[in-house]
PDB file of N, CA and C in Angstrom:
ATOM      1  N   UNK A   1      99.120  76.234  97.185  1.00  0.00           N
ATOM      2  CA  UNK A   1      99.639  76.823  98.397  1.00  0.00           C
ATOM      3  C   UNK A   1     100.188  75.726  99.320  1.00  0.00           C
ATOM      4  N   UNK A   2      99.518  74.600  99.330  1.00  0.00           N
ATOM      5  CA  UNK A   2      99.990  73.498 100.180  1.00  0.00           C
ATOM      6  C   UNK A   2     101.382  73.032  99.753  1.00  0.00           C
ATOM      7  N   UNK A   3     101.665  73.081  98.450  1.00  0.00           N
ATOM      8  CA  UNK A   3     102.959  72.594  97.971  1.00  0.00           C
ATOM      9  C   UNK A   3     104.130  73.451  98.457  1.00  0.00           C
ATOM     10  N   UNK A   4     103.848  74.672  98.915  1.00  0.00           N
ATOM     11  CA  UNK A   4     104.920  75.514  99.455  1.00  0.00           C
ATOM     12  C   UNK A   4     104.780  75.717 100.965  1.00  0.00           C
ATOM     13  N   UNK A   5     103.999  74.857 101.600  1.00  0.00           N
ATOM     14  CA  UNK A   5     103.961  74.832 103.055  1.00  0.00           C
ATOM     15  C   UNK A   5     102.835  75.584 103.733  1.00  0.00           C
ATOM     16  N   UNK A   6     101.857  76.076 102.974  1.00  0.00           N
ATOM     17  CA  UNK A   6     100.734  76.784 103.585  1.00  0.00           C
ATOM     18  C   UNK A   6      99.629  75.800 103.956  1.00  0.00           C
ATOM     19  N   UNK A   7      98.951  76.119 105.037  1.00  0.00           N
ATOM     20  CA  UNK A   7      97.824  75.320 105.493  1.00  0.00           C
ATOM     21  C   UNK A   7      96.566  76.180 105.396  1.00  0.00           C
ATOM     22  N   UNK A   8      95.513  75.618 104.783  1.00  0.00           N
ATOM     23  CA  UNK A   8      94.273  76.368 104.612  1.00  0.00           C
ATOM     24  C   UNK A   8      93.393  76.227 105.837  1.00  0.00           C
ATOM     25  N   UNK A   9      92.868  77.363 106.288  1.00  0.00           N
ATOM     26  CA  UNK A   9      91.851  77.417 107.341  1.00  0.00           C
ATOM     27  C   UNK A   9      90.752  78.350 106.851  1.00  0.00           C
ATOM     28  N   UNK A  10      89.647  77.756 106.449  1.00  0.00           N
ATOM     29  CA  UNK A  10      88.546  78.480 105.803  1.00  0.00           C
ATOM     30  C   UNK A  10      89.068  79.186 104.558  1.00  0.00           C
ATOM     31  N   UNK A  11      89.019  80.546 104.501  1.00  0.00           N
ATOM     32  CA  UNK A  11      89.470  81.231 103.290  1.00  0.00           C
ATOM     33  C   UNK A  11      90.851  81.872 103.455  1.00  0.00           C
ATOM     34  N   UNK A  12      91.593  81.435 104.474  1.00  0.00           N
ATOM     35  CA  UNK A  12      92.921  81.981 104.722  1.00  0.00           C
ATOM     36  C   UNK A  12      93.965  80.864 104.718  1.00  0.00           C
ATOM     37  N   UNK A  13      95.183  81.250 104.318  1.00  0.00           N
ATOM     38  CA  UNK A  13      96.292  80.299 104.248  1.00  0.00           C
ATOM     39  C   UNK A  13      97.405  80.765 105.186  1.00  0.00           C
ATOM     40  N   UNK A  14      97.865  79.852 106.045  1.00  0.00           N
ATOM     41  CA  UNK A  14      98.867  80.165 107.053  1.00  0.00           C
ATOM     42  C   UNK A  14     100.127  79.339 106.816  1.00  0.00           C
ATOM     43  N   UNK A  15     101.258  79.922 107.161  1.00  0.00           N
ATOM     44  CA  UNK A  15     102.546  79.222 107.068  1.00  0.00           C
ATOM     45  C   UNK A  15     103.226  79.348 108.423  1.00  0.00           C
ATOM     46  N   UNK A  16     103.798  78.270 108.913  1.00  0.00           N
ATOM     47  CA  UNK A  16     104.383  78.273 110.254  1.00  0.00           C
ATOM     48  C   UNK A  16     105.600  79.190 110.376  1.00  0.00           C
ATOM     49  N   UNK A  17     106.191  79.601 109.257  1.00  0.00           N
ATOM     50  CA  UNK A  17     107.383  80.450 109.313  1.00  0.00           C
ATOM     51  C   UNK A  17     107.082  81.943 109.188  1.00  0.00           C
ATOM     52  N   UNK A  18     105.818  82.315 109.187  1.00  0.00           N
ATOM     53  CA  UNK A  18     105.475  83.739 109.110  1.00  0.00           C
ATOM     54  C   UNK A  18     104.243  84.020 109.961  1.00  0.00           C
ATOM     55  N   UNK A  19     104.170  85.222 110.460  1.00  0.00           N
ATOM     56  CA  UNK A  19     102.995  85.610 111.256  1.00  0.00           C
ATOM     57  C   UNK A  19     101.869  86.152 110.380  1.00  0.00           C
ATOM     58  N   UNK A  20     102.139  86.307 109.071  1.00  0.00           N
ATOM     59  CA  UNK A  20     101.138  86.808 108.137  1.00  0.00           C
ATOM     60  C   UNK A  20     100.389  85.656 107.486  1.00  0.00           C
ATOM     61  N   UNK A  21      99.202  85.940 106.993  1.00  0.00           N
ATOM     62  CA  UNK A  21      98.444  84.941 106.257  1.00  0.00           C
ATOM     63  C   UNK A  21      98.113  85.491 104.880  1.00  0.00           C
ATOM     64  N   UNK A  22      97.740  84.590 103.998  1.00  0.00           N
ATOM     65  CA  UNK A  22      97.338  84.949 102.641  1.00  0.00           C
ATOM     66  C   UNK A  22      95.842  84.698 102.531  1.00  0.00           C
ATOM     67  N   UNK A  23      95.161  85.624 101.880  1.00  0.00           N
ATOM     68  CA  UNK A  23      93.718  85.493 101.707  1.00  0.00           C
ATOM     69  C   UNK A  23      93.375  85.814 100.260  1.00  0.00           C
ATOM     70  N   UNK A  24      92.448  85.067  99.713  1.00  0.00           N
ATOM     71  CA  UNK A  24      91.975  85.304  98.354  1.00  0.00           C
ATOM     72  C   UNK A  24      90.496  85.687  98.445  1.00  0.00           C
ATOM     73  N   UNK A  25      90.199  87.000  98.568  1.00  0.00           N
ATOM     74  CA  UNK A  25      88.808  87.416  98.701  1.00  0.00           C
ATOM     75  C   UNK A  25      88.003  87.103  97.443  1.00  0.00           C
ATOM     76  N   UNK A  26      86.722  86.901  97.624  1.00  0.00           N
ATOM     77  CA  UNK A  26      85.825  86.675  96.496  1.00  0.00           C
ATOM     78  C   UNK A  26      85.767  87.938  95.638  1.00  0.00           C
ATOM     79  N   UNK A  27      85.613  87.782  94.355  1.00  0.00           N
ATOM     80  CA  UNK A  27      85.558  88.915  93.436  1.00  0.00           C
ATOM     81  C   UNK A  27      84.190  89.546  93.405  1.00  0.00           C
ATOM     82  N   UNK A  28      84.013  90.590  92.667  1.00  0.00           N
ATOM     83  CA  UNK A  28      85.059  91.197  91.854  1.00  0.00           C
ATOM     84  C   UNK A  28      85.997  92.048  92.708  1.00  0.00           C
ATOM     85  N   UNK A  29      87.202  92.240  92.188  1.00  0.00           N
ATOM     86  CA  UNK A  29      88.181  93.075  92.860  1.00  0.00           C
ATOM     87  C   UNK A  29      87.700  94.510  92.823  1.00  0.00           C
ATOM     88  N   UNK A  30      87.650  95.155  93.971  1.00  0.00           N
ATOM     89  CA  UNK A  30      87.191  96.533  94.025  1.00  0.00           C
ATOM     90  C   UNK A  30      87.930  97.338  95.073  1.00  0.00           C
ATOM     91  N   UNK A  31      87.919  98.639  94.868  1.00  0.00           N
ATOM     92  CA  UNK A  31      88.445  99.583  95.837  1.00  0.00           C
ATOM     93  C   UNK A  31      87.344 100.597  96.070  1.00  0.00           C
ATOM     94  N   UNK A  32      86.760 100.567  97.266  1.00  0.00           N
ATOM     95  CA  UNK A  32      85.584 101.386  97.499  1.00  0.00           C
ATOM     96  C   UNK A  32      84.496 100.937  96.540  1.00  0.00           C
ATOM     97  N   UNK A  33      83.890 101.895  95.846  1.00  0.00           N
ATOM     98  CA  UNK A  33      82.838 101.568  94.880  1.00  0.00           C
ATOM     99  C   UNK A  33      83.377 101.271  93.491  1.00  0.00           C
ATOM    100  N   UNK A  34      84.676 101.403  93.290  1.00  0.00           N
ATOM    101  CA  UNK A  34      85.285 101.172  91.978  1.00  0.00           C
ATOM    102  C   UNK A  34      85.554  99.680  91.797  1.00  0.00           C
ATOM    103  N   UNK A  35      84.774  99.047  90.928  1.00  0.00           N
ATOM    104  CA  UNK A  35      84.922  97.613  90.667  1.00  0.00           C
ATOM    105  C   UNK A  35      85.677  97.339  89.366  1.00  0.00           C
ATOM    106  N   UNK A  36      86.239  98.381  88.762  1.00  0.00           N
ATOM    107  CA  UNK A  36      86.960  98.229  87.497  1.00  0.00           C
ATOM    108  C   UNK A  36      88.465  98.130  87.689  1.00  0.00           C
ATOM    109  N   UNK A  37      88.903  97.426  88.696  1.00  0.00           N
ATOM    110  CA  UNK A  37      90.332  97.334  89.017  1.00  0.00           C
ATOM    111  C   UNK A  37      90.992  96.292  88.121  1.00  0.00           C
ATOM    112  N   UNK A  38      92.098  96.673  87.539  1.00  0.00           N
ATOM    113  CA  UNK A  38      92.868  95.767  86.681  1.00  0.00           C
ATOM    114  C   UNK A  38      94.263  95.589  87.280  1.00  0.00           C
ATOM    115  N   UNK A  39      94.565  94.396  87.757  1.00  0.00           N
ATOM    116  CA  UNK A  39      95.920  94.166  88.293  1.00  0.00           C
ATOM    117  C   UNK A  39      96.971  94.361  87.207  1.00  0.00           C
ATOM    118  N   UNK A  40      98.175  94.685  87.646  1.00  0.00           N
ATOM    119  CA  UNK A  40      99.310  94.799  86.727  1.00  0.00           C
ATOM    120  C   UNK A  40     100.194  93.573  86.910  1.00  0.00           C
ATOM    121  N   UNK A  41     101.067  93.332  85.955  1.00  0.00           N
ATOM    122  CA  UNK A  41     102.049  92.245  86.066  1.00  0.00           C
ATOM    123  C   UNK A  41     103.375  92.843  86.493  1.00  0.00           C
ATOM    124  N   UNK A  42     103.975  92.236  87.494  1.00  0.00           N
ATOM    125  CA  UNK A  42     105.290  92.649  87.965  1.00  0.00           C
ATOM    126  C   UNK A  42     106.250  91.512  87.656  1.00  0.00           C
ATOM    127  N   UNK A  43     107.302  91.848  86.916  1.00  0.00           N
ATOM    128  CA  UNK A  43     108.282  90.832  86.561  1.00  0.00           C
ATOM    129  C   UNK A  43     109.137  90.483  87.770  1.00  0.00           C
ATOM    130  N   UNK A  44     109.346  89.203  87.943  1.00  0.00           N
ATOM    131  CA  UNK A  44     110.147  88.697  89.050  1.00  0.00           C
ATOM    132  C   UNK A  44     111.413  88.048  88.480  1.00  0.00           C
ATOM    133  N   UNK A  45     112.172  87.445  89.330  1.00  0.00           N
ATOM    134  CA  UNK A  45     113.404  86.768  88.918  1.00  0.00           C
ATOM    135  C   UNK A  45     113.084  85.619  87.965  1.00  0.00           C
ATOM    136  N   UNK A  46     114.036  85.329  87.110  1.00  0.00           N
ATOM    137  CA  UNK A  46     113.970  84.187  86.201  1.00  0.00           C
ATOM    138  C   UNK A  46     112.763  84.223  85.262  1.00  0.00           C
ATOM    139  N   UNK A  47     112.294  85.424  84.932  1.00  0.00           N
ATOM    140  CA  UNK A  47     111.237  85.556  83.944  1.00  0.00           C
ATOM    141  C   UNK A  47     109.829  85.304  84.442  1.00  0.00           C
ATOM    142  N   UNK A  48     109.656  85.015  85.717  1.00  0.00           N
ATOM    143  CA  UNK A  48     108.303  84.815  86.233  1.00  0.00           C
ATOM    144  C   UNK A  48     107.671  86.176  86.540  1.00  0.00           C
ATOM    145  N   UNK A  49     106.381  86.180  86.753  1.00  0.00           N
ATOM    146  CA  UNK A  49     105.696  87.429  87.080  1.00  0.00           C
ATOM    147  C   UNK A  49     104.565  87.144  88.060  1.00  0.00           C
ATOM    148  N   UNK A  50     104.141  88.205  88.727  1.00  0.00           N
ATOM    149  CA  UNK A  50     102.987  88.117  89.618  1.00  0.00           C
ATOM    150  C   UNK A  50     102.010  89.214  89.230  1.00  0.00           C
ATOM    151  N   UNK A  51     100.764  89.024  89.574  1.00  0.00           N
ATOM    152  CA  UNK A  51      99.743  90.053  89.371  1.00  0.00           C
ATOM    153  C   UNK A  51      99.537  90.759  90.701  1.00  0.00           C
ATOM    154  N   UNK A  52      99.483  92.077  90.649  1.00  0.00           N
ATOM    155  CA  UNK A  52      99.334  92.877  91.869  1.00  0.00           C
ATOM    156  C   UNK A  52      98.628  94.183  91.531  1.00  0.00           C
ATOM    157  N   UNK A  53      98.241  94.906  92.560  1.00  0.00           N
ATOM    158  CA  UNK A  53      97.681  96.234  92.355  1.00  0.00           C
ATOM    159  C   UNK A  53      98.794  97.190  91.962  1.00  0.00           C
ATOM    160  N   UNK A  54      98.477  98.151  91.119  1.00  0.00           N
ATOM    161  CA  UNK A  54      99.440  99.211  90.807  1.00  0.00           C
ATOM    162  C   UNK A  54      99.673 100.032  92.070  1.00  0.00           C
ATOM    163  N   UNK A  55     100.712 100.854  92.058  1.00  0.00           N
ATOM    164  CA  UNK A  55     100.970 101.721  93.208  1.00  0.00           C
ATOM    165  C   UNK A  55      99.772 102.641  93.455  1.00  0.00           C
ATOM    166  N   UNK A  56      99.190 103.178  92.384  1.00  0.00           N
ATOM    167  CA  UNK A  56      98.015 104.056  92.534  1.00  0.00           C
ATOM    168  C   UNK A  56      96.855 103.305  93.174  1.00  0.00           C
ATOM    169  N   UNK A  57      96.588 102.081  92.715  1.00  0.00           N
ATOM    170  CA  UNK A  57      95.482 101.311  93.291  1.00  0.00           C
ATOM    171  C   UNK A  57      95.793 100.839  94.709  1.00  0.00           C
ATOM    172  N   UNK A  58      97.043 100.512  94.995  1.00  0.00           N
ATOM    173  CA  UNK A  58      97.423 100.150  96.364  1.00  0.00           C
ATOM    174  C   UNK A  58      97.186 101.331  97.299  1.00  0.00           C
ATOM    175  N   UNK A  59      97.552 102.513  96.831  1.00  0.00           N
ATOM    176  CA  UNK A  59      97.321 103.722  97.618  1.00  0.00           C
ATOM    177  C   UNK A  59      95.828 103.948  97.843  1.00  0.00           C
ATOM    178  N   UNK A  60      95.038 103.816  96.786  1.00  0.00           N
ATOM    179  CA  UNK A  60      93.582 103.992  96.925  1.00  0.00           C
ATOM    180  C   UNK A  60      92.989 102.971  97.892  1.00  0.00           C
ATOM    181  N   UNK A  61      93.502 101.739  97.855  1.00  0.00           N
ATOM    182  CA  UNK A  61      93.020 100.709  98.762  1.00  0.00           C
ATOM    183  C   UNK A  61      93.242 101.121 100.222  1.00  0.00           C
ATOM    184  N   UNK A  62      94.428 101.633 100.520  1.00  0.00           N
ATOM    185  CA  UNK A  62      94.720 102.071 101.888  1.00  0.00           C
ATOM    186  C   UNK A  62      93.897 103.297 102.240  1.00  0.00           C
ATOM    187  N   UNK A  63      93.716 104.199 101.275  1.00  0.00           N
ATOM    188  CA  UNK A  63      92.883 105.374 101.534  1.00  0.00           C
ATOM    189  C   UNK A  63      91.435 104.986 101.795  1.00  0.00           C
ATOM    190  N   UNK A  64      90.952 103.944 101.126  1.00  0.00           N
ATOM    191  CA  UNK A  64      89.572 103.494 101.367  1.00  0.00           C
ATOM    192  C   UNK A  64      89.389 103.137 102.844  1.00  0.00           C
ATOM    193  N   UNK A  65      90.371 102.461 103.431  1.00  0.00           N
ATOM    194  CA  UNK A  65      90.283 102.121 104.860  1.00  0.00           C
ATOM    195  C   UNK A  65      90.302 103.387 105.713  1.00  0.00           C
ATOM    196  N   UNK A  66      91.107 104.362 105.327  1.00  0.00           N
ATOM    197  CA  UNK A  66      91.134 105.633 106.052  1.00  0.00           C
ATOM    198  C   UNK A  66      89.803 106.365 105.905  1.00  0.00           C
ATOM    199  N   UNK A  67      89.298 106.469 104.684  1.00  0.00           N
ATOM    200  CA  UNK A  67      88.057 107.201 104.434  1.00  0.00           C
ATOM    201  C   UNK A  67      86.866 106.576 105.153  1.00  0.00           C
ATOM    202  N   UNK A  68      86.753 105.259 105.090  1.00  0.00           N
ATOM    203  CA  UNK A  68      85.535 104.602 105.566  1.00  0.00           C
ATOM    204  C   UNK A  68      85.586 104.164 107.024  1.00  0.00           C
ATOM    205  N   UNK A  69      86.798 103.951 107.570  1.00  0.00           N
ATOM    206  CA  UNK A  69      86.914 103.475 108.956  1.00  0.00           C
ATOM    207  C   UNK A  69      87.802 104.359 109.809  1.00  0.00           C
ATOM    208  N   UNK A  70      88.214 105.522 109.280  1.00  0.00           N
ATOM    209  CA  UNK A  70      89.095 106.445 110.001  1.00  0.00           C
ATOM    210  C   UNK A  70      90.359 105.749 110.497  1.00  0.00           C
ATOM    211  N   UNK A  71      90.881 104.844 109.687  1.00  0.00           N
ATOM    212  CA  UNK A  71      92.060 104.051 110.046  1.00  0.00           C
ATOM    213  C   UNK A  71      93.326 104.859 109.731  1.00  0.00           C
ATOM    214  N   UNK A  72      93.909 105.477 110.753  1.00  0.00           N
ATOM    215  CA  UNK A  72      95.086 106.326 110.574  1.00  0.00           C
ATOM    216  C   UNK A  72      96.312 105.521 110.128  1.00  0.00           C
ATOM    217  N   UNK A  73      96.405 104.264 110.525  1.00  0.00           N
ATOM    218  CA  UNK A  73      97.523 103.434 110.076  1.00  0.00           C
ATOM    219  C   UNK A  73      97.460 103.251 108.552  1.00  0.00           C
ATOM    220  N   UNK A  74      96.266 103.099 108.013  1.00  0.00           N
ATOM    221  CA  UNK A  74      96.108 102.982 106.562  1.00  0.00           C
ATOM    222  C   UNK A  74      96.460 104.289 105.862  1.00  0.00           C
ATOM    223  N   UNK A  75      96.135 105.423 106.483  1.00  0.00           N
ATOM    224  CA  UNK A  75      96.552 106.709 105.929  1.00  0.00           C
ATOM    225  C   UNK A  75      98.076 106.761 105.872  1.00  0.00           C
ATOM    226  N   UNK A  76      98.731 106.333 106.924  1.00  0.00           N
ATOM    227  CA  UNK A  76     100.190 106.308 106.942  1.00  0.00           C
ATOM    228  C   UNK A  76     100.760 105.428 105.843  1.00  0.00           C
ATOM    229  N   UNK A  77     100.130 104.287 105.603  1.00  0.00           N
ATOM    230  CA  UNK A  77     100.586 103.395 104.534  1.00  0.00           C
ATOM    231  C   UNK A  77     100.408 104.061 103.172  1.00  0.00           C
ATOM    232  N   UNK A  78      99.288 104.756 102.977  1.00  0.00           N
ATOM    233  CA  UNK A  78      99.052 105.463 101.708  1.00  0.00           C
ATOM    234  C   UNK A  78     100.109 106.540 101.496  1.00  0.00           C
ATOM    235  N   UNK A  79     100.465 107.251 102.548  1.00  0.00           N
ATOM    236  CA  UNK A  79     101.499 108.283 102.453  1.00  0.00           C
ATOM    237  C   UNK A  79     102.841 107.646 102.086  1.00  0.00           C
ATOM    238  N   UNK A  80     103.181 106.531 102.708  1.00  0.00           N
ATOM    239  CA  UNK A  80     104.439 105.847 102.393  1.00  0.00           C
ATOM    240  C   UNK A  80     104.480 105.386 100.934  1.00  0.00           C
ATOM    241  N   UNK A  81     103.362 104.897 100.430  1.00  0.00           N
ATOM    242  CA  UNK A  81     103.293 104.515  99.019  1.00  0.00           C
ATOM    243  C   UNK A  81     103.549 105.745  98.151  1.00  0.00           C
ATOM    244  N   UNK A  82     102.921 106.859  98.509  1.00  0.00           N
ATOM    245  CA  UNK A  82     103.079 108.092  97.727  1.00  0.00           C
ATOM    246  C   UNK A  82     104.517 108.597  97.743  1.00  0.00           C
ATOM    247  N   UNK A  83     105.216 108.398  98.842  1.00  0.00           N
ATOM    248  CA  UNK A  83     106.604 108.855  98.937  1.00  0.00           C
ATOM    249  C   UNK A  83     107.548 108.004  98.097  1.00  0.00           C
ATOM    250  N   UNK A  84     107.178 106.757  97.863  1.00  0.00           N
ATOM    251  CA  UNK A  84     108.083 105.814  97.199  1.00  0.00           C
ATOM    252  C   UNK A  84     107.760 105.544  95.726  1.00  0.00           C
ATOM    253  N   UNK A  85     106.576 105.952  95.273  1.00  0.00           N
ATOM    254  CA  UNK A  85     106.145 105.609  93.914  1.00  0.00           C
ATOM    255  C   UNK A  85     105.497 106.809  93.239  1.00  0.00           C
ATOM    256  N   UNK A  86     105.555 106.807  91.925  1.00  0.00           N
ATOM    257  CA  UNK A  86     104.836 107.809  91.138  1.00  0.00           C
ATOM    258  C   UNK A  86     103.373 107.368  91.082  1.00  0.00           C
ATOM    259  N   UNK A  87     102.471 108.252  91.465  1.00  0.00           N
ATOM    260  CA  UNK A  87     101.039 107.942  91.506  1.00  0.00           C
ATOM    261  C   UNK A  87     100.272 108.827  90.536  1.00  0.00           C
ATOM    262  N   UNK A  88      99.107 108.356  90.135  1.00  0.00           N
ATOM    263  CA  UNK A  88      98.184 109.156  89.334  1.00  0.00           C
ATOM    264  C   UNK A  88      97.282 109.911  90.318  1.00  0.00           C
ATOM    265  N   UNK A  89      97.754 111.083  90.739  1.00  0.00           N
ATOM    266  CA  UNK A  89      97.029 111.846  91.762  1.00  0.00           C
ATOM    267  C   UNK A  89      95.678 112.356  91.254  1.00  0.00           C
ATOM    268  N   UNK A  90      95.548 112.605  89.952  1.00  0.00           N
ATOM    269  CA  UNK A  90      94.246 113.011  89.409  1.00  0.00           C
ATOM    270  C   UNK A  90      93.235 111.887  89.593  1.00  0.00           C
ATOM    271  N   UNK A  91      93.670 110.655  89.342  1.00  0.00           N
ATOM    272  CA  UNK A  91      92.785 109.504  89.521  1.00  0.00           C
ATOM    273  C   UNK A  91      92.409 109.345  90.991  1.00  0.00           C
ATOM    274  N   UNK A  92      93.367 109.517  91.877  1.00  0.00           N
ATOM    275  CA  UNK A  92      93.093 109.379  93.310  1.00  0.00           C
ATOM    276  C   UNK A  92      92.142 110.481  93.777  1.00  0.00           C
ATOM    277  N   UNK A  93      92.362 111.712  93.305  1.00  0.00           N
ATOM    278  CA  UNK A  93      91.470 112.813  93.694  1.00  0.00           C
ATOM    279  C   UNK A  93      90.042 112.560  93.198  1.00  0.00           C
ATOM    280  N   UNK A  94      89.903 112.195  91.925  1.00  0.00           N
ATOM    281  CA  UNK A  94      88.588 111.941  91.349  1.00  0.00           C
ATOM    282  C   UNK A  94      87.879 110.803  92.087  1.00  0.00           C
ATOM    283  N   UNK A  95      88.616 109.725  92.339  1.00  0.00           N
ATOM    284  CA  UNK A  95      88.036 108.596  93.063  1.00  0.00           C
ATOM    285  C   UNK A  95      87.629 109.018  94.469  1.00  0.00           C
ATOM    286  N   UNK A  96      88.472 109.790  95.144  1.00  0.00           N
ATOM    287  CA  UNK A  96      88.161 110.260  96.505  1.00  0.00           C
ATOM    288  C   UNK A  96      86.858 111.051  96.509  1.00  0.00           C
ATOM    289  N   UNK A  97      86.693 111.918  95.530  1.00  0.00           N
ATOM    290  CA  UNK A  97      85.461 112.702  95.418  1.00  0.00           C
ATOM    291  C   UNK A  97      84.261 111.795  95.202  1.00  0.00           C
ATOM    292  N   UNK A  98      84.420 110.769  94.357  1.00  0.00           N
ATOM    293  CA  UNK A  98      83.304 109.852  94.096  1.00  0.00           C
ATOM    294  C   UNK A  98      82.953 109.025  95.333  1.00  0.00           C
ATOM    295  N   UNK A  99      83.922 108.856  96.236  1.00  0.00           N
ATOM    296  CA  UNK A  99      83.685 108.139  97.493  1.00  0.00           C
ATOM    297  C   UNK A  99      83.131 109.071  98.569  1.00  0.00           C
ATOM    298  N   UNK A 100      82.954 110.358  98.230  1.00  0.00           N
ATOM    299  CA  UNK A 100      82.471 111.333  99.215  1.00  0.00           C
ATOM    300  C   UNK A 100      83.538 111.689 100.235  1.00  0.00           C
ATOM    301  N   UNK A 101      84.800 111.639  99.820  1.00  0.00           N
ATOM    302  CA  UNK A 101      85.902 111.828 100.761  1.00  0.00           C
ATOM    303  C   UNK A 101      86.872 112.914 100.293  1.00  0.00           C
ATOM    304  N   UNK A 102      86.334 114.025  99.806  1.00  0.00           N
ATOM    305  CA  UNK A 102      87.191 115.125  99.367  1.00  0.00           C
ATOM    306  C   UNK A 102      88.066 115.619 100.514  1.00  0.00           C
ATOM    307  N   UNK A 103      87.494 115.717 101.706  1.00  0.00           N
ATOM    308  CA  UNK A 103      88.259 116.171 102.872  1.00  0.00           C
ATOM    309  C   UNK A 103      89.352 115.156 103.220  1.00  0.00           C
ATOM    310  N   UNK A 104      89.045 113.881 103.066  1.00  0.00           N
ATOM    311  CA  UNK A 104      90.044 112.847 103.308  1.00  0.00           C
ATOM    312  C   UNK A 104      91.204 112.953 102.339  1.00  0.00           C
ATOM    313  N   UNK A 105      90.915 113.297 101.081  1.00  0.00           N
ATOM    314  CA  UNK A 105      91.978 113.490 100.096  1.00  0.00           C
ATOM    315  C   UNK A 105      92.848 114.673 100.502  1.00  0.00           C
ATOM    316  N   UNK A 106      92.232 115.744 100.989  1.00  0.00           N
ATOM    317  CA  UNK A 106      92.995 116.906 101.455  1.00  0.00           C
ATOM    318  C   UNK A 106      93.907 116.507 102.610  1.00  0.00           C
ATOM    319  N   UNK A 107      93.401 115.717 103.533  1.00  0.00           N
ATOM    320  CA  UNK A 107      94.219 115.226 104.646  1.00  0.00           C
ATOM    321  C   UNK A 107      95.390 114.414 104.115  1.00  0.00           C
ATOM    322  N   UNK A 108      95.137 113.556 103.145  1.00  0.00           N
ATOM    323  CA  UNK A 108      96.178 112.728 102.531  1.00  0.00           C
ATOM    324  C   UNK A 108      97.283 113.592 101.927  1.00  0.00           C
ATOM    325  N   UNK A 109      96.920 114.577 101.104  1.00  0.00           N
ATOM    326  CA  UNK A 109      97.945 115.412 100.467  1.00  0.00           C
ATOM    327  C   UNK A 109      98.697 116.234 101.509  1.00  0.00           C
ATOM    328  N   UNK A 110      98.016 116.679 102.546  1.00  0.00           N
ATOM    329  CA  UNK A 110      98.690 117.425 103.619  1.00  0.00           C
ATOM    330  C   UNK A 110      99.708 116.541 104.336  1.00  0.00           C
ATOM    331  N   UNK A 111      99.344 115.280 104.578  1.00  0.00           N
ATOM    332  CA  UNK A 111     100.258 114.348 105.243  1.00  0.00           C
ATOM    333  C   UNK A 111     101.468 114.017 104.364  1.00  0.00           C
ATOM    334  N   UNK A 112     101.264 113.956 103.047  1.00  0.00           N
ATOM    335  CA  UNK A 112     102.398 113.744 102.138  1.00  0.00           C
ATOM    336  C   UNK A 112     103.382 114.898 102.273  1.00  0.00           C
ATOM    337  N   UNK A 113     102.872 116.126 102.268  1.00  0.00           N
ATOM    338  CA  UNK A 113     103.747 117.299 102.381  1.00  0.00           C
ATOM    339  C   UNK A 113     104.472 117.322 103.727  1.00  0.00           C
ATOM    340  N   UNK A 114     103.787 116.978 104.797  1.00  0.00           N
ATOM    341  CA  UNK A 114     104.436 116.909 106.114  1.00  0.00           C
ATOM    342  C   UNK A 114     105.573 115.890 106.104  1.00  0.00           C
ATOM    343  N   UNK A 115     105.308 114.740 105.529  1.00  0.00           N
ATOM    344  CA  UNK A 115     106.327 113.687 105.480  1.00  0.00           C
ATOM    345  C   UNK A 115     107.518 114.131 104.636  1.00  0.00           C
ATOM    346  N   UNK A 116     107.268 114.796 103.530  1.00  0.00           N
ATOM    347  CA  UNK A 116     108.371 115.283 102.685  1.00  0.00           C
ATOM    348  C   UNK A 116     109.226 116.308 103.438  1.00  0.00           C
ATOM    349  N   UNK A 117     108.586 117.186 104.191  1.00  0.00           N
ATOM    350  CA  UNK A 117     109.331 118.173 104.986  1.00  0.00           C
ATOM    351  C   UNK A 117     110.172 117.484 106.050  1.00  0.00           C
ATOM    352  N   UNK A 118     109.604 116.497 106.722  1.00  0.00           N
ATOM    353  CA  UNK A 118     110.368 115.746 107.737  1.00  0.00           C
ATOM    354  C   UNK A 118     111.564 115.067 107.098  1.00  0.00           C
ATOM    355  N   UNK A 119     111.362 114.483 105.930  1.00  0.00           N
ATOM    356  CA  UNK A 119     112.451 113.782 105.246  1.00  0.00           C
ATOM    357  C   UNK A 119     113.566 114.731 104.812  1.00  0.00           C
ATOM    358  N   UNK A 120     113.214 115.958 104.426  1.00  0.00           N
ATOM    359  CA  UNK A 120     114.224 116.951 104.032  1.00  0.00           C
ATOM    360  C   UNK A 120     115.056 117.392 105.216  1.00  0.00           C
ATOM    361  N   UNK A 121     114.436 117.455 106.402  1.00  0.00           N
ATOM    362  CA  UNK A 121     115.155 117.885 107.609  1.00  0.00           C
ATOM    363  C   UNK A 121     116.087 116.799 108.118  1.00  0.00           C
ATOM    364  N   UNK A 122     115.785 115.564 107.764  1.00  0.00           N
ATOM    365  CA  UNK A 122     116.602 114.446 108.240  1.00  0.00           C
ATOM    366  C   UNK A 122     116.134 113.960 109.599  1.00  0.00           C
ATOM    367  N   UNK A 123     116.792 112.948 110.133  1.00  0.00           N
ATOM    368  CA  UNK A 123     116.363 112.372 111.410  1.00  0.00           C
ATOM    369  C   UNK A 123     116.559 113.362 112.548  1.00  0.00           C
ATOM    370  N   UNK A 124     115.637 113.323 113.481  1.00  0.00           N
ATOM    371  CA  UNK A 124     115.759 114.189 114.660  1.00  0.00           C
ATOM    372  C   UNK A 124     116.729 113.575 115.657  1.00  0.00           C
ATOM    373  N   UNK A 125     117.346 114.426 116.440  1.00  0.00           N
ATOM    374  CA  UNK A 125     118.320 113.938 117.431  1.00  0.00           C
ATOM    375  C   UNK A 125     117.808 114.116 118.823  1.00  0.00           C
TER     376      UNK A 125
END
């Protein structure tokens, strides 16, 4: 990270050209109580690749923040992921139930439908 301009402060890496930081949390990688997360490889330019969460797991990660901390911004992020990517909704529903958040899953699907309706109507004037 230092070779590309990041400075380490404890477990976070900062770069003077961005307001965001990079963090490498201790493992195992988990979403809620699910510790069986397997990153996917995303191909980048010139044949390189990165490891990242799948769209389904990224959505579940944001939903975990909504379910456990009532974080509405995370719910919004989960909805945006759902609007832009194909998700395994059966997996998300099953996981939501195992997290004790069946009602949260219902809220999530309702928000997806609201967003789709807004998008069909187009921008408001």
